[in-house]
Amino acid sequence: MVEVCVRKNEIKVSGHAMYAPHGQDIVCAGVSSLVRTLIHSIEDLTGDEIEYEVSPGWVDIQYGNLSEKARTLVDSFFVGICLMTDEFPGHVRIV
């Protein structure tokens, strides 16, 4: 199960969806895509600074006061994760 924790100054994603065999898991790929897009969108499209660490099965993103644009990107990430939990409730959850 992929667990996503969204807090005021932090997003943590951990675990594996176990939806399909490694390399074929569309749920893990979807979550990974959302996370990587968020990180690079904040870096490339805003002047905000974030700290992040990415490892297999684990992502930790930390940030301080975000601009309105960056907050919108975080909100968009959250919308995507909510869609994933709706579509694959046994494989992704928000904690």
PDB file of N, CA and C in Angstrom:
ATOM      1  N   MET A   1       0.847  -1.178   0.000  1.00  0.00           N
ATOM      2  CA  MET A   1       0.000   0.000   0.000  1.00  0.00           C
ATOM      3  C   MET A   1       0.891   1.238   0.000  1.00  0.00           C
ATOM      4  N   VAL A   2       0.566   2.197  -0.854  1.00  0.00           N
ATOM      5  CA  VAL A   2       1.234   3.487  -0.858  1.00  0.00           C
ATOM      6  C   VAL A   2       0.500   4.377   0.130  1.00  0.00           C
ATOM      7  N   GLU A   3       1.242   4.986   1.041  1.00  0.00           N
ATOM      8  CA  GLU A   3       0.658   5.903   2.008  1.00  0.00           C
ATOM      9  C   GLU A   3       1.174   7.305   1.720  1.00  0.00           C
ATOM     10  N   VAL A   4       0.247   8.258   1.667  1.00  0.00           N
ATOM     11  CA  VAL A   4       0.580   9.642   1.380  1.00  0.00           C
ATOM     12  C   VAL A   4       0.165  10.480   2.583  1.00  0.00           C
ATOM     13  N   CYS A   5       1.114  11.209   3.131  1.00  0.00           N
ATOM     14  CA  CYS A   5       0.866  12.070   4.281  1.00  0.00           C
ATOM     15  C   CYS A   5       1.126  13.509   3.838  1.00  0.00           C
ATOM     16  N   VAL A   6       0.073  14.328   3.804  1.00  0.00           N
ATOM     17  CA  VAL A   6       0.192  15.731   3.419  1.00  0.00           C
ATOM     18  C   VAL A   6      -0.042  16.576   4.665  1.00  0.00           C
ATOM     19  N   ARG A   7       0.971  17.340   5.044  1.00  0.00           N
ATOM     20  CA  ARG A   7       0.888  18.215   6.209  1.00  0.00           C
ATOM     21  C   ARG A   7       1.195  19.645   5.769  1.00  0.00           C
ATOM     22  N   LYS A   8       1.117  20.574   6.701  1.00  0.00           N
ATOM     23  CA  LYS A   8       1.299  21.989   6.392  1.00  0.00           C
ATOM     24  C   LYS A   8       2.623  22.259   5.666  1.00  0.00           C
ATOM     25  N   ASN A   9       3.698  21.700   6.125  1.00  0.00           N
ATOM     26  CA  ASN A   9       5.016  21.980   5.553  1.00  0.00           C
ATOM     27  C   ASN A   9       5.723  20.735   5.033  1.00  0.00           C
ATOM     28  N   GLU A  10       4.960  19.684   4.728  1.00  0.00           N
ATOM     29  CA  GLU A  10       5.625  18.427   4.376  1.00  0.00           C
ATOM     30  C   GLU A  10       4.677  17.483   3.643  1.00  0.00           C
ATOM     31  N   ILE A  11       5.255  16.750   2.737  1.00  0.00           N
ATOM     32  CA  ILE A  11       4.554  15.651   2.077  1.00  0.00           C
ATOM     33  C   ILE A  11       5.462  14.443   2.153  1.00  0.00           C
ATOM     34  N   LYS A  12       4.923  13.335   2.645  1.00  0.00           N
ATOM     35  CA  LYS A  12       5.666  12.083   2.684  1.00  0.00           C
ATOM     36  C   LYS A  12       4.870  11.027   1.933  1.00  0.00           C
ATOM     37  N   VAL A  13       5.564  10.287   1.102  1.00  0.00           N
ATOM     38  CA  VAL A  13       4.950   9.187   0.361  1.00  0.00           C
ATOM     39  C   VAL A  13       5.816   7.959   0.615  1.00  0.00           C
ATOM     40  N   SER A  14       5.178   6.855   1.016  1.00  0.00           N
ATOM     41  CA  SER A  14       5.964   5.659   1.296  1.00  0.00           C
ATOM     42  C   SER A  14       5.189   4.406   0.913  1.00  0.00           C
ATOM     43  N   GLY A  15       5.925   3.352   0.665  1.00  0.00           N
ATOM     44  CA  GLY A  15       5.327   2.062   0.381  1.00  0.00           C
ATOM     45  C   GLY A  15       5.251   1.750  -1.104  1.00  0.00           C
ATOM     46  N   HIS A  16       4.685   0.603  -1.381  1.00  0.00           N
ATOM     47  CA  HIS A  16       4.497   0.125  -2.748  1.00  0.00           C
ATOM     48  C   HIS A  16       3.037  -0.291  -2.912  1.00  0.00           C
ATOM     49  N   ALA A  17       2.489  -0.039  -4.065  1.00  0.00           N
ATOM     50  CA  ALA A  17       1.067  -0.305  -4.298  1.00  0.00           C
ATOM     51  C   ALA A  17       0.758  -1.800  -4.355  1.00  0.00           C
ATOM     52  N   MET A  18       1.677  -2.594  -4.869  1.00  0.00           N
ATOM     53  CA  MET A  18       1.460  -4.041  -5.022  1.00  0.00           C
ATOM     54  C   MET A  18       0.247  -4.327  -5.903  1.00  0.00           C
ATOM     55  N   TYR A  19       0.000  -3.456  -6.859  1.00  0.00           N
ATOM     56  CA  TYR A  19      -1.106  -3.633  -7.788  1.00  0.00           C
ATOM     57  C   TYR A  19      -0.743  -4.636  -8.881  1.00  0.00           C
ATOM     58  N   ALA A  20       0.536  -4.630  -9.264  1.00  0.00           N
ATOM     59  CA  ALA A  20       1.026  -5.505 -10.330  1.00  0.00           C
ATOM     60  C   ALA A  20       2.507  -5.783 -10.062  1.00  0.00           C
ATOM     61  N   PRO A  21       3.108  -6.711 -10.801  1.00  0.00           N
ATOM     62  CA  PRO A  21       4.531  -6.997 -10.608  1.00  0.00           C
ATOM     63  C   PRO A  21       5.397  -5.754 -10.818  1.00  0.00           C
ATOM     64  N   HIS A  22       6.551  -5.748 -10.152  1.00  0.00           N
ATOM     65  CA  HIS A  22       7.514  -4.655 -10.279  1.00  0.00           C
ATOM     66  C   HIS A  22       7.794  -4.369 -11.757  1.00  0.00           C
ATOM     67  N   GLY A  23       7.757  -3.110 -12.112  1.00  0.00           N
ATOM     68  CA  GLY A  23       7.976  -2.720 -13.492  1.00  0.00           C
ATOM     69  C   GLY A  23       6.702  -2.650 -14.322  1.00  0.00           C
ATOM     70  N   GLN A  24       5.602  -3.170 -13.780  1.00  0.00           N
ATOM     71  CA  GLN A  24       4.324  -3.153 -14.486  1.00  0.00           C
ATOM     72  C   GLN A  24       3.218  -2.496 -13.649  1.00  0.00           C
ATOM     73  N   ASP A  25       3.589  -1.959 -12.508  1.00  0.00           N
ATOM     74  CA  ASP A  25       2.613  -1.443 -11.560  1.00  0.00           C
ATOM     75  C   ASP A  25       2.197  -0.020 -11.936  1.00  0.00           C
ATOM     76  N   ILE A  26       1.022   0.109 -12.556  1.00  0.00           N
ATOM     77  CA  ILE A  26       0.557   1.419 -12.999  1.00  0.00           C
ATOM     78  C   ILE A  26       0.217   2.343 -11.829  1.00  0.00           C
ATOM     79  N   VAL A  27      -0.135   1.783 -10.689  1.00  0.00           N
ATOM     80  CA  VAL A  27      -0.456   2.606  -9.528  1.00  0.00           C
ATOM     81  C   VAL A  27       0.813   3.254  -8.990  1.00  0.00           C
ATOM     82  N   CYS A  28       1.867   2.470  -8.818  1.00  0.00           N
ATOM     83  CA  CYS A  28       3.151   3.035  -8.379  1.00  0.00           C
ATOM     84  C   CYS A  28       3.649   4.067  -9.389  1.00  0.00           C
ATOM     85  N   ALA A  29       3.514   3.762 -10.656  1.00  0.00           N
ATOM     86  CA  ALA A  29       3.957   4.689 -11.694  1.00  0.00           C
ATOM     87  C   ALA A  29       3.158   5.990 -11.634  1.00  0.00           C
ATOM     88  N   GLY A  30       1.856   5.903 -11.414  1.00  0.00           N
ATOM     89  CA  GLY A  30       1.025   7.095 -11.324  1.00  0.00           C
ATOM     90  C   GLY A  30       1.400   7.972 -10.145  1.00  0.00           C
ATOM     91  N   VAL A  31       1.578   7.354  -8.983  1.00  0.00           N
ATOM     92  CA  VAL A  31       1.960   8.110  -7.790  1.00  0.00           C
ATOM     93  C   VAL A  31       3.343   8.727  -7.989  1.00  0.00           C
ATOM     94  N   SER A  32       4.275   7.952  -8.514  1.00  0.00           N
ATOM     95  CA  SER A  32       5.630   8.463  -8.765  1.00  0.00           C
ATOM     96  C   SER A  32       5.606   9.649  -9.711  1.00  0.00           C
ATOM     97  N   SER A  33       4.799   9.564 -10.737  1.00  0.00           N
ATOM     98  CA  SER A  33       4.684  10.649 -11.694  1.00  0.00           C
ATOM     99  C   SER A  33       4.135  11.919 -11.034  1.00  0.00           C
ATOM    100  N   LEU A  34       3.121  11.764 -10.209  1.00  0.00           N
ATOM    101  CA  LEU A  34       2.570  12.917  -9.503  1.00  0.00           C
ATOM    102  C   LEU A  34       3.606  13.565  -8.594  1.00  0.00           C
ATOM    103  N   VAL A  35       4.344  12.746  -7.854  1.00  0.00           N
ATOM    104  CA  VAL A  35       5.342  13.259  -6.915  1.00  0.00           C
ATOM    105  C   VAL A  35       6.472  13.965  -7.659  1.00  0.00           C
ATOM    106  N   ARG A  36       7.008  13.331  -8.683  1.00  0.00           N
ATOM    107  CA  ARG A  36       8.121  13.934  -9.422  1.00  0.00           C
ATOM    108  C   ARG A  36       7.689  15.202 -10.151  1.00  0.00           C
ATOM    109  N   THR A  37       6.467  15.214 -10.668  1.00  0.00           N
ATOM    110  CA  THR A  37       5.962  16.417 -11.326  1.00  0.00           C
ATOM    111  C   THR A  37       5.823  17.551 -10.314  1.00  0.00           C
ATOM    112  N   LEU A  38       5.341  17.253  -9.114  1.00  0.00           N
ATOM    113  CA  LEU A  38       5.230  18.278  -8.081  1.00  0.00           C
ATOM    114  C   LEU A  38       6.595  18.873  -7.761  1.00  0.00           C
ATOM    115  N   ILE A  39       7.566  18.027  -7.489  1.00  0.00           N
ATOM    116  CA  ILE A  39       8.906  18.499  -7.127  1.00  0.00           C
ATOM    117  C   ILE A  39       9.468  19.410  -8.218  1.00  0.00           C
ATOM    118  N   HIS A  40       9.455  18.927  -9.448  1.00  0.00           N
ATOM    119  CA  HIS A  40      10.079  19.685 -10.526  1.00  0.00           C
ATOM    120  C   HIS A  40       9.255  20.905 -10.936  1.00  0.00           C
ATOM    121  N   SER A  41       7.948  20.847 -10.764  1.00  0.00           N
ATOM    122  CA  SER A  41       7.121  22.018 -11.058  1.00  0.00           C
ATOM    123  C   SER A  41       7.407  23.143 -10.066  1.00  0.00           C
ATOM    124  N   ILE A  42       7.507  22.809  -8.791  1.00  0.00           N
ATOM    125  CA  ILE A  42       7.833  23.838  -7.797  1.00  0.00           C
ATOM    126  C   ILE A  42       9.203  24.428  -8.092  1.00  0.00           C
ATOM    127  N   GLU A  43      10.176  23.578  -8.388  1.00  0.00           N
ATOM    128  CA  GLU A  43      11.526  24.063  -8.675  1.00  0.00           C
ATOM    129  C   GLU A  43      11.585  24.902  -9.951  1.00  0.00           C
ATOM    130  N   ASP A  44      10.911  24.461 -10.999  1.00  0.00           N
ATOM    131  CA  ASP A  44      11.035  25.103 -12.311  1.00  0.00           C
ATOM    132  C   ASP A  44      10.071  26.264 -12.533  1.00  0.00           C
ATOM    133  N   LEU A  45       8.929  26.254 -11.872  1.00  0.00           N
ATOM    134  CA  LEU A  45       7.886  27.234 -12.171  1.00  0.00           C
ATOM    135  C   LEU A  45       7.701  28.296 -11.087  1.00  0.00           C
ATOM    136  N   THR A  46       8.368  28.118  -9.954  1.00  0.00           N
ATOM    137  CA  THR A  46       8.243  29.097  -8.866  1.00  0.00           C
ATOM    138  C   THR A  46       9.637  29.460  -8.365  1.00  0.00           C
ATOM    139  N   GLY A  47       9.700  30.463  -7.547  1.00  0.00           N
ATOM    140  CA  GLY A  47      10.956  30.831  -6.903  1.00  0.00           C
ATOM    141  C   GLY A  47      11.100  30.187  -5.539  1.00  0.00           C
ATOM    142  N   ASP A  48      10.175  29.309  -5.195  1.00  0.00           N
ATOM    143  CA  ASP A  48      10.185  28.668  -3.877  1.00  0.00           C
ATOM    144  C   ASP A  48      11.299  27.641  -3.771  1.00  0.00           C
ATOM    145  N   GLU A  49      11.794  27.495  -2.566  1.00  0.00           N
ATOM    146  CA  GLU A  49      12.802  26.477  -2.301  1.00  0.00           C
ATOM    147  C   GLU A  49      12.177  25.363  -1.476  1.00  0.00           C
ATOM    148  N   ILE A  50      12.461  24.139  -1.888  1.00  0.00           N
ATOM    149  CA  ILE A  50      11.997  22.978  -1.149  1.00  0.00           C
ATOM    150  C   ILE A  50      13.186  22.057  -0.925  1.00  0.00           C
ATOM    151  N   GLU A  51      13.061  21.213   0.044  1.00  0.00           N
ATOM    152  CA  GLU A  51      14.042  20.153   0.274  1.00  0.00           C
ATOM    153  C   GLU A  51      13.316  18.836   0.050  1.00  0.00           C
ATOM    154  N   TYR A  52      13.993  17.911  -0.595  1.00  0.00           N
ATOM    155  CA  TYR A  52      13.344  16.622  -0.836  1.00  0.00           C
ATOM    156  C   TYR A  52      14.385  15.520  -0.901  1.00  0.00           C
ATOM    157  N   GLU A  53      13.900  14.335  -0.615  1.00  0.00           N
ATOM    158  CA  GLU A  53      14.712  13.124  -0.708  1.00  0.00           C
ATOM    159  C   GLU A  53      13.840  12.066  -1.364  1.00  0.00           C
ATOM    160  N   VAL A  54      14.387  11.429  -2.378  1.00  0.00           N
ATOM    161  CA  VAL A  54      13.660  10.403  -3.114  1.00  0.00           C
ATOM    162  C   VAL A  54      14.459   9.116  -3.069  1.00  0.00           C
ATOM    163  N   SER A  55      13.828   8.046  -2.634  1.00  0.00           N
ATOM    164  CA  SER A  55      14.418   6.710  -2.611  1.00  0.00           C
ATOM    165  C   SER A  55      13.362   5.740  -3.120  1.00  0.00           C
ATOM    166  N   PRO A  56      13.739   4.541  -3.520  1.00  0.00           N
ATOM    167  CA  PRO A  56      12.721   3.568  -3.934  1.00  0.00           C
ATOM    168  C   PRO A  56      11.702   3.341  -2.811  1.00  0.00           C
ATOM    169  N   GLY A  57      10.438   3.604  -3.108  1.00  0.00           N
ATOM    170  CA  GLY A  57       9.373   3.376  -2.133  1.00  0.00           C
ATOM    171  C   GLY A  57       9.240   4.446  -1.076  1.00  0.00           C
ATOM    172  N   TRP A  58       9.928   5.596  -1.257  1.00  0.00           N
ATOM    173  CA  TRP A  58       9.881   6.617  -0.216  1.00  0.00           C
ATOM    174  C   TRP A  58      10.247   7.982  -0.783  1.00  0.00           C
ATOM    175  N   VAL A  59       9.436   9.003  -0.459  1.00  0.00           N
ATOM    176  CA  VAL A  59       9.716  10.392  -0.833  1.00  0.00           C
ATOM    177  C   VAL A  59       9.368  11.273   0.352  1.00  0.00           C
ATOM    178  N   ASP A  60      10.254  12.217   0.648  1.00  0.00           N
ATOM    179  CA  ASP A  60      10.014  13.190   1.705  1.00  0.00           C
ATOM    180  C   ASP A  60      10.255  14.572   1.106  1.00  0.00           C
ATOM    181  N   ILE A  61       9.220  15.409   1.095  1.00  0.00           N
ATOM    182  CA  ILE A  61       9.324  16.769   0.581  1.00  0.00           C
ATOM    183  C   ILE A  61       9.027  17.711   1.729  1.00  0.00           C
ATOM    184  N   GLN A  62       9.930  18.658   1.977  1.00  0.00           N
ATOM    185  CA  GLN A  62       9.730  19.624   3.053  1.00  0.00           C
ATOM    186  C   GLN A  62       9.829  21.028   2.470  1.00  0.00           C
ATOM    187  N   TYR A  63       8.991  21.911   2.989  1.00  0.00           N
ATOM    188  CA  TYR A  63       8.972  23.275   2.495  1.00  0.00           C
ATOM    189  C   TYR A  63       8.506  24.203   3.603  1.00  0.00           C
ATOM    190  N   GLY A  64       8.803  25.484   3.437  1.00  0.00           N
ATOM    191  CA  GLY A  64       8.352  26.497   4.394  1.00  0.00           C
ATOM    192  C   GLY A  64       7.144  27.207   3.829  1.00  0.00           C
ATOM    193  N   ASN A  65       7.168  28.507   3.907  1.00  0.00           N
ATOM    194  CA  ASN A  65       6.070  29.301   3.366  1.00  0.00           C
ATOM    195  C   ASN A  65       6.132  29.266   1.846  1.00  0.00           C
ATOM    196  N   LEU A  66       5.103  28.750   1.235  1.00  0.00           N
ATOM    197  CA  LEU A  66       5.067  28.643  -0.213  1.00  0.00           C
ATOM    198  C   LEU A  66       4.306  29.816  -0.825  1.00  0.00           C
ATOM    199  N   SER A  67       4.713  30.174  -2.028  1.00  0.00           N
ATOM    200  CA  SER A  67       3.985  31.184  -2.780  1.00  0.00           C
ATOM    201  C   SER A  67       2.613  30.630  -3.155  1.00  0.00           C
ATOM    202  N   GLU A  68       1.759  31.512  -3.622  1.00  0.00           N
ATOM    203  CA  GLU A  68       0.429  31.067  -4.039  1.00  0.00           C
ATOM    204  C   GLU A  68       0.534  30.063  -5.187  1.00  0.00           C
ATOM    205  N   LYS A  69       1.456  30.297  -6.096  1.00  0.00           N
ATOM    206  CA  LYS A  69       1.626  29.395  -7.228  1.00  0.00           C
ATOM    207  C   LYS A  69       2.054  28.000  -6.750  1.00  0.00           C
ATOM    208  N   ALA A  70       3.000  27.952  -5.826  1.00  0.00           N
ATOM    209  CA  ALA A  70       3.461  26.658  -5.313  1.00  0.00           C
ATOM    210  C   ALA A  70       2.363  25.955  -4.517  1.00  0.00           C
ATOM    211  N   ARG A  71       1.576  26.723  -3.757  1.00  0.00           N
ATOM    212  CA  ARG A  71       0.462  26.122  -3.014  1.00  0.00           C
ATOM    213  C   ARG A  71      -0.549  25.521  -3.984  1.00  0.00           C
ATOM    214  N   THR A  72      -0.762  26.181  -5.104  1.00  0.00           N
ATOM    215  CA  THR A  72      -1.669  25.641  -6.119  1.00  0.00           C
ATOM    216  C   THR A  72      -1.120  24.338  -6.679  1.00  0.00           C
ATOM    217  N   LEU A  73       0.187  24.259  -6.862  1.00  0.00           N
ATOM    218  CA  LEU A  73       0.794  23.007  -7.334  1.00  0.00           C
ATOM    219  C   LEU A  73       0.626  21.887  -6.313  1.00  0.00           C
ATOM    220  N   VAL A  74       0.800  22.206  -5.036  1.00  0.00           N
ATOM    221  CA  VAL A  74       0.584  21.206  -3.976  1.00  0.00           C
ATOM    222  C   VAL A  74      -0.883  20.776  -3.964  1.00  0.00           C
ATOM    223  N   ASP A  75      -1.784  21.728  -4.103  1.00  0.00           N
ATOM    224  CA  ASP A  75      -3.214  21.390  -4.151  1.00  0.00           C
ATOM    225  C   ASP A  75      -3.518  20.480  -5.341  1.00  0.00           C
ATOM    226  N   SER A  76      -2.902  20.774  -6.469  1.00  0.00           N
ATOM    227  CA  SER A  76      -3.093  19.940  -7.662  1.00  0.00           C
ATOM    228  C   SER A  76      -2.570  18.524  -7.428  1.00  0.00           C
ATOM    229  N   PHE A  77      -1.418  18.413  -6.781  1.00  0.00           N
ATOM    230  CA  PHE A  77      -0.881  17.100  -6.406  1.00  0.00           C
ATOM    231  C   PHE A  77      -1.893  16.353  -5.547  1.00  0.00           C
ATOM    232  N   PHE A  78      -2.470  17.056  -4.574  1.00  0.00           N
ATOM    233  CA  PHE A  78      -3.432  16.435  -3.672  1.00  0.00           C
ATOM    234  C   PHE A  78      -4.670  15.961  -4.432  1.00  0.00           C
ATOM    235  N   VAL A  79      -5.132  16.749  -5.394  1.00  0.00           N
ATOM    236  CA  VAL A  79      -6.266  16.338  -6.231  1.00  0.00           C
ATOM    237  C   VAL A  79      -5.923  15.036  -6.953  1.00  0.00           C
ATOM    238  N   GLY A  80      -4.722  14.963  -7.528  1.00  0.00           N
ATOM    239  CA  GLY A  80      -4.294  13.746  -8.223  1.00  0.00           C
ATOM    240  C   GLY A  80      -4.227  12.543  -7.303  1.00  0.00           C
ATOM    241  N   ILE A  81      -3.690  12.737  -6.099  1.00  0.00           N
ATOM    242  CA  ILE A  81      -3.607  11.634  -5.136  1.00  0.00           C
ATOM    243  C   ILE A  81      -5.009  11.194  -4.709  1.00  0.00           C
ATOM    244  N   CYS A  82      -5.910  12.136  -4.517  1.00  0.00           N
ATOM    245  CA  CYS A  82      -7.288  11.770  -4.164  1.00  0.00           C
ATOM    246  C   CYS A  82      -7.933  10.948  -5.274  1.00  0.00           C
ATOM    247  N   LEU A  83      -7.679  11.300  -6.521  1.00  0.00           N
ATOM    248  CA  LEU A  83      -8.192  10.506  -7.636  1.00  0.00           C
ATOM    249  C   LEU A  83      -7.619   9.092  -7.604  1.00  0.00           C
ATOM    250  N   MET A  84      -6.338   8.971  -7.276  1.00  0.00           N
ATOM    251  CA  MET A  84      -5.703   7.651  -7.178  1.00  0.00           C
ATOM    252  C   MET A  84      -6.338   6.832  -6.053  1.00  0.00           C
ATOM    253  N   THR A  85      -6.614   7.458  -4.913  1.00  0.00           N
ATOM    254  CA  THR A  85      -7.227   6.708  -3.804  1.00  0.00           C
ATOM    255  C   THR A  85      -8.640   6.280  -4.156  1.00  0.00           C
ATOM    256  N   ASP A  86      -9.352   7.116  -4.913  1.00  0.00           N
ATOM    257  CA  ASP A  86     -10.706   6.748  -5.345  1.00  0.00           C
ATOM    258  C   ASP A  86     -10.678   5.583  -6.324  1.00  0.00           C
ATOM    259  N   GLU A  87      -9.722   5.605  -7.235  1.00  0.00           N
ATOM    260  CA  GLU A  87      -9.629   4.585  -8.285  1.00  0.00           C
ATOM    261  C   GLU A  87      -9.036   3.269  -7.766  1.00  0.00           C
ATOM    262  N   PHE A  88      -8.082   3.377  -6.833  1.00  0.00           N
ATOM    263  CA  PHE A  88      -7.360   2.191  -6.330  1.00  0.00           C
ATOM    264  C   PHE A  88      -7.327   2.205  -4.799  1.00  0.00           C
ATOM    265  N   PRO A  89      -8.488   2.100  -4.139  1.00  0.00           N
ATOM    266  CA  PRO A  89      -8.544   2.240  -2.685  1.00  0.00           C
ATOM    267  C   PRO A  89      -7.762   1.194  -1.908  1.00  0.00           C
ATOM    268  N   GLY A  90      -7.534   0.047  -2.462  1.00  0.00           N
ATOM    269  CA  GLY A  90      -6.778  -0.986  -1.774  1.00  0.00           C
ATOM    270  C   GLY A  90      -5.274  -0.863  -1.967  1.00  0.00           C
ATOM    271  N   HIS A  91      -4.852   0.201  -2.675  1.00  0.00           N
ATOM    272  CA  HIS A  91      -3.440   0.320  -3.014  1.00  0.00           C
ATOM    273  C   HIS A  91      -2.827   1.668  -2.685  1.00  0.00           C
ATOM    274  N   VAL A  92      -3.665   2.694  -2.490  1.00  0.00           N
ATOM    275  CA  VAL A  92      -3.186   4.031  -2.137  1.00  0.00           C
ATOM    276  C   VAL A  92      -4.111   4.588  -1.055  1.00  0.00           C
ATOM    277  N   ARG A  93      -3.512   5.178  -0.025  1.00  0.00           N
ATOM    278  CA  ARG A  93      -4.345   5.823   0.992  1.00  0.00           C
ATOM    279  C   ARG A  93      -3.648   7.077   1.515  1.00  0.00           C
ATOM    280  N   ILE A  94      -4.477   7.988   1.941  1.00  0.00           N
ATOM    281  CA  ILE A  94      -3.990   9.230   2.553  1.00  0.00           C
ATOM    282  C   ILE A  94      -4.072   9.050   4.048  1.00  0.00           C
ATOM    283  N   VAL A  95      -2.968   9.315   4.721  1.00  0.00           N
ATOM    284  CA  VAL A  95      -2.931   9.151   6.186  1.00  0.00           C
ATOM    285  C   VAL A  95      -2.683  10.493   6.849  1.00  0.00           C
TER     286      VAL A  95
END
